Amino acid sequence: WIIEEDKKQLSADDPYLIQRYTLALIYYQMEGENWTKNAKWLVQAINECEWEGIQCSSKGYVTSIILSSGNLKGSIPTEISALEHLQVVDLSDNEIGRSIPDSLGQLPTLEVLSLHSNSLTGHMPSDICALKQEGYLIELWVDCELPSPKVRCDCCTKCG
């Protein structure tokens, strides 16, 4: 899509190319054509900051992905860590599966990570817990409620 159809035609050295590519990857890997919140996604020549659920800084960097209750499926791509200005990721109340990618722990500006009410399993990656312990990550919410947590999490602020 980004090479053959995207009318923005960003050059290889454009700092926004990786951002646009990563969001397109999220769209395709998580069945974006079936989302209930996909207005303007992959619409040609529309800036990704105008895509539904995406918020950007005044400089045009993605700071929030808020796609809760949007019918997202599949798994969270590890490449999400390329969105290095992310502060909020809310993908709660969807049908996301597999495990939480370690790469989310490489986002030093991440303040809110809300992934509850999905089908995620496994352990909370230690790099994400490190963000919490270092005081960057303020809210961390996954399905970790006892007695049978889907995700084992020793650092979550909420289990739901």
C-alpha atoms as a PDB file:
ATOM      1  CA  TRP A   1       0.000   0.000   0.000  1.00  0.00           C
ATOM      2  CA  ILE A   2       2.610   2.552   1.051  1.00  0.00           C
ATOM      3  CA  ILE A   3       4.663   2.020  -2.129  1.00  0.00           C
ATOM      4  CA  GLU A   4       2.011   1.390  -4.751  1.00  0.00           C
ATOM      5  CA  GLU A   5      -1.131   3.223  -3.625  1.00  0.00           C
ATOM      6  CA  ASP A   6      -0.292   5.889  -1.046  1.00  0.00           C
ATOM      7  CA  LYS A   7      -0.418   9.259  -2.758  1.00  0.00           C
ATOM      8  CA  LYS A   8       1.700  10.887  -0.057  1.00  0.00           C
ATOM      9  CA  GLN A   9       4.743   9.149  -1.600  1.00  0.00           C
ATOM     10  CA  LEU A  10       7.073   9.951   1.274  1.00  0.00           C
ATOM     11  CA  SER A  11      10.767   9.716   0.460  1.00  0.00           C
ATOM     12  CA  ALA A  12      12.959   7.091   2.104  1.00  0.00           C
ATOM     13  CA  ASP A  13      14.609   9.725   4.320  1.00  0.00           C
ATOM     14  CA  ASP A  14      11.346  11.335   5.457  1.00  0.00           C
ATOM     15  CA  PRO A  15      11.062  10.918   9.263  1.00  0.00           C
ATOM     16  CA  TYR A  16       7.315  10.304   8.948  1.00  0.00           C
ATOM     17  CA  LEU A  17       7.694   7.323   6.590  1.00  0.00           C
ATOM     18  CA  ILE A  18       8.366   4.834   9.415  1.00  0.00           C
ATOM     19  CA  GLN A  19       5.433   6.242  11.376  1.00  0.00           C
ATOM     20  CA  ARG A  20       3.033   5.878   8.437  1.00  0.00           C
ATOM     21  CA  TYR A  21       4.391   2.423   7.615  1.00  0.00           C
ATOM     22  CA  THR A  22       3.990   1.247  11.234  1.00  0.00           C
ATOM     23  CA  LEU A  23       0.379   2.413  11.404  1.00  0.00           C
ATOM     24  CA  ALA A  24      -0.363   0.723   8.067  1.00  0.00           C
ATOM     25  CA  LEU A  25       1.207  -2.459   9.441  1.00  0.00           C
ATOM     26  CA  ILE A  26      -1.025  -2.264  12.520  1.00  0.00           C
ATOM     27  CA  TYR A  27      -4.033  -1.830  10.224  1.00  0.00           C
ATOM     28  CA  TYR A  28      -3.213  -4.854   8.058  1.00  0.00           C
ATOM     29  CA  GLN A  29      -1.993  -7.146  10.845  1.00  0.00           C
ATOM     30  CA  MET A  30      -5.034  -6.419  13.007  1.00  0.00           C
ATOM     31  CA  GLU A  31      -7.674  -6.718  10.248  1.00  0.00           C
ATOM     32  CA  GLY A  32      -8.307  -2.992   9.923  1.00  0.00           C
ATOM     33  CA  GLU A  33     -10.842  -3.381   7.143  1.00  0.00           C
ATOM     34  CA  ASN A  34     -13.168  -4.908   9.762  1.00  0.00           C
ATOM     35  CA  TRP A  35     -12.627  -2.309  12.490  1.00  0.00           C
ATOM     36  CA  THR A  36     -15.557  -0.254  13.685  1.00  0.00           C
ATOM     37  CA  LYS A  37     -13.198   2.711  14.130  1.00  0.00           C
ATOM     38  CA  ASN A  38     -11.257   2.959  10.878  1.00  0.00           C
ATOM     39  CA  ALA A  39     -12.396   6.296   9.417  1.00  0.00           C
ATOM     40  CA  LYS A  40      -9.777   7.807   7.100  1.00  0.00           C
ATOM     41  CA  TRP A  41      -7.302   4.933   7.660  1.00  0.00           C
ATOM     42  CA  LEU A  42      -5.191   4.420   4.546  1.00  0.00           C
ATOM     43  CA  VAL A  43      -7.149   7.070   2.660  1.00  0.00           C
ATOM     44  CA  GLN A  44      -4.737   8.374   0.097  1.00  0.00           C
ATOM     45  CA  ALA A  45      -3.010  11.664   0.805  1.00  0.00           C
ATOM     46  CA  ILE A  46      -4.692  11.962   4.243  1.00  0.00           C
ATOM     47  CA  ASN A  47      -2.212  12.577   7.022  1.00  0.00           C
ATOM     48  CA  GLU A  48      -2.127   9.723   9.544  1.00  0.00           C
ATOM     49  CA  CYS A  49      -2.805  12.240  12.333  1.00  0.00           C
ATOM     50  CA  GLU A  50      -6.330  12.510  10.906  1.00  0.00           C
ATOM     51  CA  TRP A  51      -6.981   8.757  11.069  1.00  0.00           C
ATOM     52  CA  GLU A  52      -9.616   7.746  13.608  1.00  0.00           C
ATOM     53  CA  GLY A  53      -8.111   6.880  16.995  1.00  0.00           C
ATOM     54  CA  ILE A  54      -4.753   8.518  16.252  1.00  0.00           C
ATOM     55  CA  GLN A  55      -3.547  11.639  18.023  1.00  0.00           C
ATOM     56  CA  CYS A  56      -0.363  13.517  17.231  1.00  0.00           C
ATOM     57  CA  SER A  57       1.881  16.168  18.704  1.00  0.00           C
ATOM     58  CA  SER A  58       2.085  19.643  17.213  1.00  0.00           C
ATOM     59  CA  LYS A  59       5.103  18.374  15.232  1.00  0.00           C
ATOM     60  CA  GLY A  60       3.034  15.571  13.702  1.00  0.00           C
ATOM     61  CA  TYR A  61       4.391  12.617  15.674  1.00  0.00           C
ATOM     62  CA  VAL A  62       1.911   9.958  16.821  1.00  0.00           C
ATOM     63  CA  THR A  63       1.427  10.253  20.580  1.00  0.00           C
ATOM     64  CA  SER A  64      -1.760   8.190  21.093  1.00  0.00           C
ATOM     65  CA  ILE A  65      -3.426   5.163  19.598  1.00  0.00           C
ATOM     66  CA  ILE A  66      -6.908   4.849  21.077  1.00  0.00           C
ATOM     67  CA  LEU A  67      -8.838   2.060  19.374  1.00  0.00           C
ATOM     68  CA  SER A  68     -10.747   0.523  22.273  1.00  0.00           C
ATOM     69  CA  SER A  69     -13.907  -1.427  21.377  1.00  0.00           C
ATOM     70  CA  GLY A  70     -12.950  -1.252  17.712  1.00  0.00           C
ATOM     71  CA  ASN A  71     -13.114  -4.932  16.668  1.00  0.00           C
ATOM     72  CA  LEU A  72      -9.329  -5.287  16.363  1.00  0.00           C
ATOM     73  CA  LYS A  73      -8.156  -8.869  15.854  1.00  0.00           C
ATOM     74  CA  GLY A  74      -4.827 -10.595  15.440  1.00  0.00           C
ATOM     75  CA  SER A  75      -1.739  -9.627  17.393  1.00  0.00           C
ATOM     76  CA  ILE A  76       0.047  -6.391  18.250  1.00  0.00           C
ATOM     77  CA  PRO A  77       2.964  -5.969  15.828  1.00  0.00           C
ATOM     78  CA  THR A  78       6.375  -5.726  17.453  1.00  0.00           C
ATOM     79  CA  GLU A  79       7.096  -2.808  15.117  1.00  0.00           C
ATOM     80  CA  ILE A  80       4.805  -0.620  17.242  1.00  0.00           C
ATOM     81  CA  SER A  81       7.977   0.406  19.091  1.00  0.00           C
ATOM     82  CA  ALA A  82       8.969   2.432  16.001  1.00  0.00           C
ATOM     83  CA  LEU A  83       6.352   4.973  17.142  1.00  0.00           C
ATOM     84  CA  GLU A  84       8.857   6.384  19.595  1.00  0.00           C
ATOM     85  CA  HIS A  85       6.695   9.326  20.716  1.00  0.00           C
ATOM     86  CA  LEU A  86       3.773   7.169  21.896  1.00  0.00           C
ATOM     87  CA  GLN A  87       2.347   8.191  25.260  1.00  0.00           C
ATOM     88  CA  VAL A  88      -0.993   6.335  25.197  1.00  0.00           C
ATOM     89  CA  VAL A  89      -1.900   2.933  23.770  1.00  0.00           C
ATOM     90  CA  ASP A  90      -5.486   1.878  24.431  1.00  0.00           C
ATOM     91  CA  LEU A  91      -6.450  -1.265  22.558  1.00  0.00           C
ATOM     92  CA  SER A  92      -8.812  -2.530  25.245  1.00  0.00           C
ATOM     93  CA  ASP A  93     -12.036  -4.436  24.627  1.00  0.00           C
ATOM     94  CA  ASN A  94     -11.074  -6.066  21.330  1.00  0.00           C
ATOM     95  CA  GLU A  95     -10.164  -9.560  20.160  1.00  0.00           C
ATOM     96  CA  ILE A  96      -6.389  -9.223  20.239  1.00  0.00           C
ATOM     97  CA  GLY A  97      -4.529 -12.452  20.917  1.00  0.00           C
ATOM     98  CA  ARG A  98      -1.101 -13.940  21.513  1.00  0.00           C
ATOM     99  CA  SER A  99       1.300 -12.264  23.921  1.00  0.00           C
ATOM    100  CA  ILE A 100       2.137  -8.655  24.686  1.00  0.00           C
ATOM    101  CA  PRO A 101       5.183  -7.719  22.604  1.00  0.00           C
ATOM    102  CA  ASP A 102       8.401  -6.971  24.499  1.00  0.00           C
ATOM    103  CA  SER A 103       8.959  -4.052  22.126  1.00  0.00           C
ATOM    104  CA  LEU A 104       6.329  -1.959  23.953  1.00  0.00           C
ATOM    105  CA  GLY A 105       8.914  -1.657  26.718  1.00  0.00           C
ATOM    106  CA  GLN A 106      11.135   0.297  24.318  1.00  0.00           C
ATOM    107  CA  LEU A 107       8.783   3.284  24.388  1.00  0.00           C
ATOM    108  CA  PRO A 108      10.263   5.622  27.023  1.00  0.00           C
ATOM    109  CA  THR A 109       7.433   8.173  26.750  1.00  0.00           C
ATOM    110  CA  LEU A 110       4.659   5.585  27.265  1.00  0.00           C
ATOM    111  CA  GLU A 111       2.382   6.686  30.114  1.00  0.00           C
ATOM    112  CA  VAL A 112      -0.773   4.583  29.566  1.00  0.00           C
ATOM    113  CA  LEU A 113      -0.986   1.011  28.285  1.00  0.00           C
ATOM    114  CA  SER A 114      -4.511  -0.389  28.363  1.00  0.00           C
ATOM    115  CA  LEU A 115      -4.897  -3.875  26.886  1.00  0.00           C
ATOM    116  CA  HIS A 116      -7.609  -5.388  29.091  1.00  0.00           C
ATOM    117  CA  SER A 117     -10.640  -7.286  27.766  1.00  0.00           C
ATOM    118  CA  ASN A 118      -8.741  -9.071  25.009  1.00  0.00           C
ATOM    119  CA  SER A 119      -7.415 -12.589  24.515  1.00  0.00           C
ATOM    120  CA  LEU A 120      -3.796 -11.792  25.347  1.00  0.00           C
ATOM    121  CA  THR A 121      -1.881 -14.432  27.317  1.00  0.00           C
ATOM    122  CA  GLY A 122       1.509 -14.991  28.902  1.00  0.00           C
ATOM    123  CA  HIS A 123       3.604 -12.744  31.118  1.00  0.00           C
ATOM    124  CA  MET A 124       3.942  -8.980  31.159  1.00  0.00           C
ATOM    125  CA  PRO A 125       7.343  -8.303  29.546  1.00  0.00           C
ATOM    126  CA  SER A 126       9.961  -7.157  32.043  1.00  0.00           C
ATOM    127  CA  ASP A 127      10.848  -4.098  29.922  1.00  0.00           C
ATOM    128  CA  ILE A 128       7.277  -2.833  30.322  1.00  0.00           C
ATOM    129  CA  CYS A 129       7.437  -3.373  34.082  1.00  0.00           C
ATOM    130  CA  ALA A 130      10.743  -1.471  34.083  1.00  0.00           C
ATOM    131  CA  LEU A 131       8.959   1.541  32.536  1.00  0.00           C
ATOM    132  CA  LYS A 132       6.454   1.334  35.400  1.00  0.00           C
ATOM    133  CA  GLN A 133       9.155   1.040  38.049  1.00  0.00           C
ATOM    134  CA  GLU A 134      11.087   3.967  36.557  1.00  0.00           C
ATOM    135  CA  GLY A 135       7.989   6.147  36.851  1.00  0.00           C
ATOM    136  CA  TYR A 136       7.250   6.610  33.146  1.00  0.00           C
ATOM    137  CA  LEU A 137       4.303   4.261  32.802  1.00  0.00           C
ATOM    138  CA  ILE A 138       1.476   5.538  35.007  1.00  0.00           C
ATOM    139  CA  GLU A 139      -1.372   3.188  34.037  1.00  0.00           C
ATOM    140  CA  LEU A 140      -0.904  -0.454  33.053  1.00  0.00           C
ATOM    141  CA  TRP A 141      -4.149  -2.399  32.689  1.00  0.00           C
ATOM    142  CA  VAL A 142      -4.434  -5.978  31.433  1.00  0.00           C
ATOM    143  CA  ASP A 143      -6.445  -9.115  32.189  1.00  0.00           C
ATOM    144  CA  CYS A 144      -4.466 -10.175  35.247  1.00  0.00           C
ATOM    145  CA  GLU A 145      -7.217 -10.760  37.790  1.00  0.00           C
ATOM    146  CA  LEU A 146      -6.908 -13.736  40.086  1.00  0.00           C
ATOM    147  CA  PRO A 147      -7.469 -16.635  40.479  1.00  0.00           C
ATOM    148  CA  SER A 148      -6.879 -17.391  36.768  1.00  0.00           C
ATOM    149  CA  PRO A 149      -5.138 -14.469  35.085  1.00  0.00           C
ATOM    150  CA  LYS A 150      -4.775 -14.526  31.315  1.00  0.00           C
ATOM    151  CA  VAL A 151      -1.671 -12.352  31.693  1.00  0.00           C
ATOM    152  CA  ARG A 152       0.685 -12.711  34.644  1.00  0.00           C
ATOM    153  CA  CYS A 153       1.578  -9.213  35.770  1.00  0.00           C
ATOM    154  CA  ASP A 154       3.404  -8.138  38.913  1.00  0.00           C
ATOM    155  CA  CYS A 155       3.518  -4.469  37.969  1.00  0.00           C
ATOM    156  CA  CYS A 156       0.004  -3.709  36.674  1.00  0.00           C
ATOM    157  CA  THR A 157      -1.958  -0.826  38.163  1.00  0.00           C
ATOM    158  CA  LYS A 158      -5.279  -2.450  37.231  1.00  0.00           C
ATOM    159  CA  CYS A 159      -6.400  -5.976  36.507  1.00  0.00           C
ATOM    160  CA  GLY A 160      -9.659  -6.311  34.665  1.00  0.00           C
END
